[in-house]
Amino acid sequence: LCFMGDSIDYQFYAALRNNLQRILLQQQLRKNSSQIETYISIESRNIPVNYSNETGKPAWGGWRHLVNVKETAVTLERSHGNRFSTQFYWIMMYGWAPGLTAFMDRCSVVIANLGLHYDVHTGDLHNYGP
């Protein structure tokens, strides 16, 4: 699962990660409880982005420049032995940057926000991009 887009998409990514961390903390509080049937582990990291001839160079720099992809890996382990693992990602993208699709190879499902932004001072709508 990949969240692709701006800060709005990051909020969805962070909400999912934070809710899983909340479940983990609740689980740790009940560590010795026989009520726990599913154990959860979470690991988050930043994967550096390396641009190449395949991806091309970003059309813009500064704060819109993709530097890393955020990844959260989650493992659920049932008390009777079944184990499930998955990862989800946030790929920062302002506007449509086709070169960034090369960093989505791990994505089975992509949730993208390509919505317009507005200027609070003028009310003008626009989309970031080249």
N, C-alpha and C. Protein backbone atom coordinates (compact mmCIF):
# COMPACT_ATOMS: atom_id res chain seq x y z
N LEU A 1 0.86 -1.17 0.00
CA LEU A 1 0.00 0.00 0.00
C LEU A 1 0.90 1.22 0.00
N CYS A 2 0.68 2.12 -0.92
CA CYS A 2 1.46 3.35 -1.01
C CYS A 2 0.54 4.56 -0.99
N PHE A 3 0.87 5.49 -0.13
CA PHE A 3 0.24 6.79 -0.13
C PHE A 3 1.16 7.69 -0.93
N MET A 4 0.66 8.30 -1.98
CA MET A 4 1.49 9.09 -2.87
C MET A 4 0.88 10.48 -2.98
N GLY A 5 1.66 11.50 -2.62
CA GLY A 5 1.15 12.85 -2.75
C GLY A 5 1.79 13.80 -1.77
N ASP A 6 1.02 14.78 -1.37
CA ASP A 6 1.54 15.87 -0.54
C ASP A 6 1.28 15.59 0.94
N SER A 7 1.23 16.67 1.72
CA SER A 7 1.09 16.53 3.17
C SER A 7 -0.25 15.89 3.56
N ILE A 8 -1.26 16.02 2.73
CA ILE A 8 -2.54 15.38 3.03
C ILE A 8 -2.37 13.86 3.03
N ASP A 9 -1.67 13.34 2.04
CA ASP A 9 -1.41 11.90 1.97
C ASP A 9 -0.50 11.45 3.10
N TYR A 10 0.44 12.32 3.47
CA TYR A 10 1.31 11.98 4.60
C TYR A 10 0.49 11.84 5.88
N GLN A 11 -0.54 12.65 6.04
CA GLN A 11 -1.39 12.55 7.23
C GLN A 11 -2.09 11.19 7.28
N PHE A 12 -2.52 10.67 6.13
CA PHE A 12 -3.13 9.33 6.10
C PHE A 12 -2.11 8.26 6.47
N TYR A 13 -0.91 8.36 5.89
CA TYR A 13 0.18 7.43 6.21
C TYR A 13 0.48 7.48 7.71
N ALA A 14 0.66 8.70 8.24
CA ALA A 14 1.00 8.85 9.65
C ALA A 14 -0.12 8.36 10.56
N ALA A 15 -1.37 8.59 10.17
CA ALA A 15 -2.50 8.12 10.99
C ALA A 15 -2.51 6.60 11.08
N LEU A 16 -2.27 5.93 9.96
CA LEU A 16 -2.22 4.46 9.97
C LEU A 16 -1.07 3.98 10.85
N ARG A 17 0.12 4.56 10.66
CA ARG A 17 1.28 4.18 11.46
C ARG A 17 1.04 4.45 12.94
N ASN A 18 0.51 5.64 13.27
CA ASN A 18 0.30 6.00 14.67
C ASN A 18 -0.75 5.13 15.34
N ASN A 19 -1.80 4.76 14.62
CA ASN A 19 -2.81 3.87 15.20
C ASN A 19 -2.24 2.49 15.46
N LEU A 20 -1.39 2.01 14.57
CA LEU A 20 -0.73 0.71 14.81
C LEU A 20 0.21 0.81 16.03
N GLN A 21 0.90 1.93 16.17
CA GLN A 21 1.77 2.12 17.33
C GLN A 21 0.95 2.19 18.62
N ARG A 22 -0.22 2.79 18.55
CA ARG A 22 -1.11 2.85 19.72
C ARG A 22 -1.53 1.44 20.14
N ILE A 23 -1.86 0.61 19.16
CA ILE A 23 -2.22 -0.79 19.45
C ILE A 23 -1.04 -1.50 20.10
N LEU A 24 0.17 -1.26 19.57
CA LEU A 24 1.37 -1.88 20.14
C LEU A 24 1.58 -1.44 21.59
N LEU A 25 1.40 -0.16 21.87
CA LEU A 25 1.56 0.31 23.25
C LEU A 25 0.52 -0.31 24.19
N GLN A 26 -0.71 -0.41 23.71
CA GLN A 26 -1.74 -1.06 24.53
C GLN A 26 -1.37 -2.52 24.79
N GLN A 27 -0.82 -3.15 23.78
CA GLN A 27 -0.39 -4.55 23.92
C GLN A 27 0.73 -4.67 24.95
N GLN A 28 1.66 -3.74 24.94
CA GLN A 28 2.77 -3.78 25.89
C GLN A 28 2.30 -3.56 27.32
N LEU A 29 1.24 -2.79 27.49
CA LEU A 29 0.68 -2.59 28.83
C LEU A 29 0.06 -3.87 29.36
N ARG A 30 -0.43 -4.71 28.46
CA ARG A 30 -1.05 -5.98 28.86
C ARG A 30 -0.10 -7.14 28.57
N LYS A 31 1.18 -6.92 28.64
CA LYS A 31 2.20 -7.87 28.20
C LYS A 31 2.01 -9.28 28.75
N ASN A 32 1.68 -9.39 29.99
CA ASN A 32 1.55 -10.71 30.61
C ASN A 32 0.13 -11.24 30.58
N SER A 33 -0.73 -10.60 29.83
CA SER A 33 -2.13 -10.99 29.80
C SER A 33 -2.34 -12.17 28.86
N SER A 34 -3.19 -13.07 29.26
CA SER A 34 -3.54 -14.20 28.39
C SER A 34 -4.55 -13.77 27.34
N GLN A 35 -5.02 -12.50 27.40
CA GLN A 35 -6.00 -11.99 26.44
C GLN A 35 -5.38 -11.71 25.08
N ILE A 36 -4.06 -11.58 25.01
CA ILE A 36 -3.40 -11.23 23.76
C ILE A 36 -3.36 -12.45 22.85
N GLU A 37 -4.05 -12.36 21.73
CA GLU A 37 -4.05 -13.44 20.75
C GLU A 37 -3.19 -13.11 19.54
N THR A 38 -2.98 -11.81 19.32
CA THR A 38 -2.19 -11.37 18.17
C THR A 38 -1.13 -10.39 18.65
N TYR A 39 0.12 -10.70 18.34
CA TYR A 39 1.22 -9.82 18.69
C TYR A 39 1.58 -8.99 17.46
N ILE A 40 1.89 -7.74 17.68
CA ILE A 40 2.19 -6.84 16.57
C ILE A 40 3.59 -6.26 16.77
N SER A 41 4.33 -6.14 15.68
CA SER A 41 5.61 -5.43 15.72
C SER A 41 5.63 -4.44 14.56
N ILE A 42 6.25 -3.29 14.81
CA ILE A 42 6.26 -2.20 13.84
C ILE A 42 7.68 -1.66 13.73
N GLU A 43 8.10 -1.42 12.50
CA GLU A 43 9.41 -0.80 12.27
C GLU A 43 9.26 0.22 11.15
N SER A 44 9.69 1.45 11.39
CA SER A 44 9.61 2.50 10.37
C SER A 44 11.02 2.95 10.01
N ARG A 45 11.18 3.33 8.73
CA ARG A 45 12.47 3.82 8.28
C ARG A 45 12.28 4.71 7.06
N ASN A 46 13.32 5.46 6.74
CA ASN A 46 13.36 6.26 5.53
C ASN A 46 14.26 5.55 4.52
N ILE A 47 13.75 5.33 3.32
CA ILE A 47 14.53 4.71 2.26
C ILE A 47 15.04 5.83 1.35
N PRO A 48 16.36 6.05 1.28
CA PRO A 48 16.88 7.12 0.44
C PRO A 48 16.53 6.90 -1.03
N VAL A 49 16.24 8.00 -1.72
CA VAL A 49 15.92 7.95 -3.14
C VAL A 49 17.20 8.21 -3.93
N ASN A 50 17.51 7.32 -4.85
CA ASN A 50 18.66 7.49 -5.73
C ASN A 50 18.14 7.67 -7.15
N TYR A 51 18.33 8.86 -7.68
CA TYR A 51 17.89 9.14 -9.04
C TYR A 51 18.88 8.51 -10.02
N SER A 52 18.36 8.06 -11.15
CA SER A 52 19.19 7.40 -12.16
C SER A 52 18.72 7.84 -13.55
N ASN A 53 19.32 7.25 -14.59
CA ASN A 53 18.86 7.53 -15.96
C ASN A 53 17.42 7.06 -16.14
N GLU A 54 17.05 5.96 -15.44
CA GLU A 54 15.69 5.43 -15.55
C GLU A 54 14.67 6.39 -14.95
N THR A 55 14.98 6.94 -13.79
CA THR A 55 14.02 7.82 -13.12
C THR A 55 14.11 9.25 -13.63
N GLY A 56 15.26 9.62 -14.13
CA GLY A 56 15.46 11.01 -14.51
C GLY A 56 15.70 11.85 -13.27
N LYS A 57 16.06 13.07 -13.47
CA LYS A 57 16.28 14.00 -12.36
C LYS A 57 14.96 14.73 -12.09
N PRO A 58 14.73 15.13 -10.84
CA PRO A 58 13.49 15.85 -10.53
C PRO A 58 13.43 17.17 -11.28
N ALA A 59 12.23 17.55 -11.66
CA ALA A 59 12.03 18.80 -12.42
C ALA A 59 12.18 20.02 -11.53
N TRP A 60 12.10 19.86 -10.23
CA TRP A 60 12.21 20.98 -9.31
C TRP A 60 12.97 20.53 -8.08
N GLY A 61 13.43 21.47 -7.33
CA GLY A 61 14.17 21.16 -6.10
C GLY A 61 13.46 21.73 -4.90
N GLY A 62 14.21 21.99 -3.86
CA GLY A 62 13.63 22.58 -2.66
C GLY A 62 12.73 21.61 -1.92
N TRP A 63 11.71 22.16 -1.30
CA TRP A 63 10.84 21.36 -0.44
C TRP A 63 9.99 20.36 -1.21
N ARG A 64 9.86 20.49 -2.53
CA ARG A 64 9.08 19.54 -3.32
C ARG A 64 9.92 18.39 -3.85
N HIS A 65 11.18 18.38 -3.56
CA HIS A 65 12.12 17.38 -4.06
C HIS A 65 12.03 16.11 -3.20
N LEU A 66 11.76 14.97 -3.82
CA LEU A 66 11.68 13.70 -3.09
C LEU A 66 13.08 13.25 -2.69
N VAL A 67 13.31 13.14 -1.38
CA VAL A 67 14.61 12.76 -0.85
C VAL A 67 14.59 11.32 -0.36
N ASN A 68 13.48 10.90 0.26
CA ASN A 68 13.36 9.53 0.73
C ASN A 68 11.90 9.10 0.71
N VAL A 69 11.73 7.80 0.74
CA VAL A 69 10.40 7.20 0.82
C VAL A 69 10.25 6.68 2.24
N LYS A 70 9.15 7.02 2.88
CA LYS A 70 8.91 6.54 4.24
C LYS A 70 8.25 5.16 4.18
N GLU A 71 8.80 4.23 4.94
CA GLU A 71 8.28 2.86 4.97
C GLU A 71 7.96 2.47 6.40
N THR A 72 6.84 1.80 6.57
CA THR A 72 6.51 1.17 7.85
C THR A 72 6.22 -0.30 7.58
N ALA A 73 6.94 -1.16 8.28
CA ALA A 73 6.75 -2.61 8.16
C ALA A 73 5.99 -3.09 9.41
N VAL A 74 4.98 -3.90 9.18
CA VAL A 74 4.14 -4.39 10.27
C VAL A 74 4.09 -5.92 10.19
N THR A 75 4.25 -6.55 11.34
CA THR A 75 4.12 -8.01 11.42
C THR A 75 3.10 -8.34 12.50
N LEU A 76 2.15 -9.18 12.13
CA LEU A 76 1.16 -9.69 13.08
C LEU A 76 1.44 -11.17 13.27
N GLU A 77 1.54 -11.58 14.51
CA GLU A 77 1.79 -12.98 14.81
C GLU A 77 0.72 -13.48 15.77
N ARG A 78 -0.02 -14.46 15.30
CA ARG A 78 -1.10 -15.03 16.11
C ARG A 78 -0.51 -16.00 17.13
N SER A 79 -1.17 -16.15 18.27
CA SER A 79 -0.68 -17.03 19.33
C SER A 79 -0.61 -18.48 18.87
N HIS A 80 -1.42 -18.87 17.87
CA HIS A 80 -1.38 -20.24 17.38
C HIS A 80 -0.40 -20.42 16.22
N GLY A 81 0.44 -19.39 15.93
CA GLY A 81 1.54 -19.59 15.01
C GLY A 81 1.47 -18.91 13.65
N ASN A 82 0.30 -18.49 13.19
CA ASN A 82 0.24 -17.81 11.89
C ASN A 82 0.92 -16.46 11.98
N ARG A 83 1.63 -16.11 10.91
CA ARG A 83 2.36 -14.85 10.87
C ARG A 83 2.08 -14.12 9.56
N PHE A 84 1.77 -12.84 9.65
CA PHE A 84 1.47 -12.01 8.48
C PHE A 84 2.34 -10.76 8.53
N SER A 85 2.94 -10.41 7.41
CA SER A 85 3.77 -9.20 7.33
C SER A 85 3.36 -8.38 6.13
N THR A 86 3.48 -7.07 6.28
CA THR A 86 3.19 -6.16 5.17
C THR A 86 3.97 -4.87 5.40
N GLN A 87 4.05 -4.07 4.36
CA GLN A 87 4.67 -2.76 4.44
C GLN A 87 3.73 -1.75 3.79
N PHE A 88 3.82 -0.52 4.27
CA PHE A 88 3.13 0.56 3.58
C PHE A 88 4.08 1.76 3.53
N TYR A 89 3.85 2.63 2.54
CA TYR A 89 4.80 3.67 2.21
C TYR A 89 4.13 5.01 2.00
N TRP A 90 4.93 6.09 2.14
CA TRP A 90 4.52 7.42 1.70
C TRP A 90 5.58 7.92 0.74
N ILE A 91 5.12 8.27 -0.46
CA ILE A 91 5.99 8.81 -1.50
C ILE A 91 5.54 10.24 -1.74
N MET A 92 6.39 11.19 -1.37
CA MET A 92 6.03 12.60 -1.52
C MET A 92 6.01 12.97 -3.00
N MET A 93 4.91 13.57 -3.42
CA MET A 93 4.81 14.00 -4.80
C MET A 93 3.86 15.19 -4.88
N TYR A 94 4.34 16.27 -5.43
CA TYR A 94 3.51 17.46 -5.64
C TYR A 94 3.22 17.56 -7.12
N GLY A 95 1.96 17.62 -7.48
CA GLY A 95 1.60 17.59 -8.90
C GLY A 95 1.81 16.19 -9.43
N TRP A 96 1.94 16.04 -10.71
CA TRP A 96 2.17 14.73 -11.31
C TRP A 96 3.60 14.69 -11.81
N ALA A 97 4.40 13.81 -11.24
CA ALA A 97 5.80 13.66 -11.62
C ALA A 97 6.00 12.23 -12.09
N PRO A 98 5.83 11.96 -13.39
CA PRO A 98 5.92 10.58 -13.90
C PRO A 98 7.21 9.86 -13.53
N GLY A 99 8.31 10.59 -13.38
CA GLY A 99 9.58 9.95 -13.02
C GLY A 99 9.53 9.27 -11.67
N LEU A 100 8.66 9.74 -10.78
CA LEU A 100 8.59 9.15 -9.44
C LEU A 100 7.91 7.79 -9.43
N THR A 101 7.24 7.43 -10.51
CA THR A 101 6.60 6.11 -10.55
C THR A 101 7.63 4.99 -10.46
N ALA A 102 8.87 5.26 -10.82
CA ALA A 102 9.92 4.25 -10.69
C ALA A 102 10.14 3.84 -9.24
N PHE A 103 9.78 4.70 -8.30
CA PHE A 103 9.95 4.39 -6.88
C PHE A 103 8.73 3.68 -6.29
N MET A 104 7.78 3.32 -7.15
CA MET A 104 6.54 2.67 -6.69
C MET A 104 6.52 1.17 -7.00
N ASP A 105 7.67 0.59 -7.31
CA ASP A 105 7.72 -0.83 -7.64
C ASP A 105 7.18 -1.71 -6.53
N ARG A 106 7.32 -1.28 -5.30
CA ARG A 106 6.85 -2.08 -4.16
C ARG A 106 5.35 -1.97 -3.93
N CYS A 107 4.69 -1.08 -4.66
CA CYS A 107 3.29 -0.76 -4.41
C CYS A 107 2.34 -1.71 -5.15
N SER A 108 1.47 -2.36 -4.42
CA SER A 108 0.40 -3.13 -5.03
C SER A 108 -0.82 -2.24 -5.23
N VAL A 109 -1.03 -1.34 -4.27
CA VAL A 109 -2.14 -0.39 -4.31
C VAL A 109 -1.56 0.99 -4.07
N VAL A 110 -1.95 1.96 -4.90
CA VAL A 110 -1.48 3.33 -4.75
C VAL A 110 -2.69 4.22 -4.47
N ILE A 111 -2.60 4.99 -3.40
CA ILE A 111 -3.61 5.97 -3.07
C ILE A 111 -2.98 7.33 -3.35
N ALA A 112 -3.53 8.06 -4.30
CA ALA A 112 -2.91 9.31 -4.72
C ALA A 112 -3.86 10.48 -4.56
N ASN A 113 -3.32 11.58 -4.15
CA ASN A 113 -4.06 12.83 -4.06
C ASN A 113 -3.45 13.77 -5.10
N LEU A 114 -4.13 13.97 -6.20
CA LEU A 114 -3.66 14.88 -7.23
C LEU A 114 -4.51 16.14 -7.24
N GLY A 115 -5.09 16.44 -6.10
CA GLY A 115 -6.01 17.57 -6.00
C GLY A 115 -5.34 18.91 -6.14
N LEU A 116 -6.15 19.88 -6.39
CA LEU A 116 -5.68 21.25 -6.51
C LEU A 116 -5.47 21.87 -5.14
N HIS A 117 -4.61 22.86 -5.10
CA HIS A 117 -4.37 23.63 -3.89
C HIS A 117 -4.86 25.04 -4.15
N TYR A 118 -5.11 25.78 -3.12
CA TYR A 118 -5.53 27.16 -3.32
C TYR A 118 -4.66 28.09 -2.48
N ASP A 119 -4.54 29.29 -2.96
CA ASP A 119 -3.80 30.34 -2.27
C ASP A 119 -4.76 31.03 -1.32
N VAL A 120 -4.46 31.01 -0.03
CA VAL A 120 -5.38 31.58 0.95
C VAL A 120 -5.52 33.09 0.80
N HIS A 121 -4.55 33.74 0.18
CA HIS A 121 -4.60 35.19 0.03
C HIS A 121 -5.41 35.62 -1.20
N THR A 122 -5.28 34.86 -2.30
CA THR A 122 -5.96 35.25 -3.54
C THR A 122 -7.16 34.38 -3.87
N GLY A 123 -7.20 33.16 -3.28
CA GLY A 123 -8.27 32.23 -3.61
C GLY A 123 -8.03 31.48 -4.91
N ASP A 124 -6.88 31.74 -5.58
CA ASP A 124 -6.57 31.07 -6.84
C ASP A 124 -6.28 29.59 -6.63
N LEU A 125 -6.81 28.76 -7.51
CA LEU A 125 -6.51 27.34 -7.49
C LEU A 125 -5.33 27.05 -8.40
N HIS A 126 -4.50 26.11 -8.01
CA HIS A 126 -3.36 25.72 -8.84
C HIS A 126 -2.91 24.33 -8.42
N ASN A 127 -2.09 23.73 -9.24
CA ASN A 127 -1.47 22.45 -8.93
C ASN A 127 0.02 22.65 -9.01
N TYR A 128 0.75 22.11 -8.04
CA TYR A 128 2.20 22.23 -8.07
C TYR A 128 2.77 21.32 -9.12
N GLY A 129 3.80 21.75 -9.74
CA GLY A 129 4.48 20.91 -10.72
C GLY A 129 5.22 21.77 -11.70
N PRO A 130 5.90 21.13 -12.66
CA PRO A 130 6.70 21.90 -13.61
C PRO A 130 5.81 22.72 -14.56
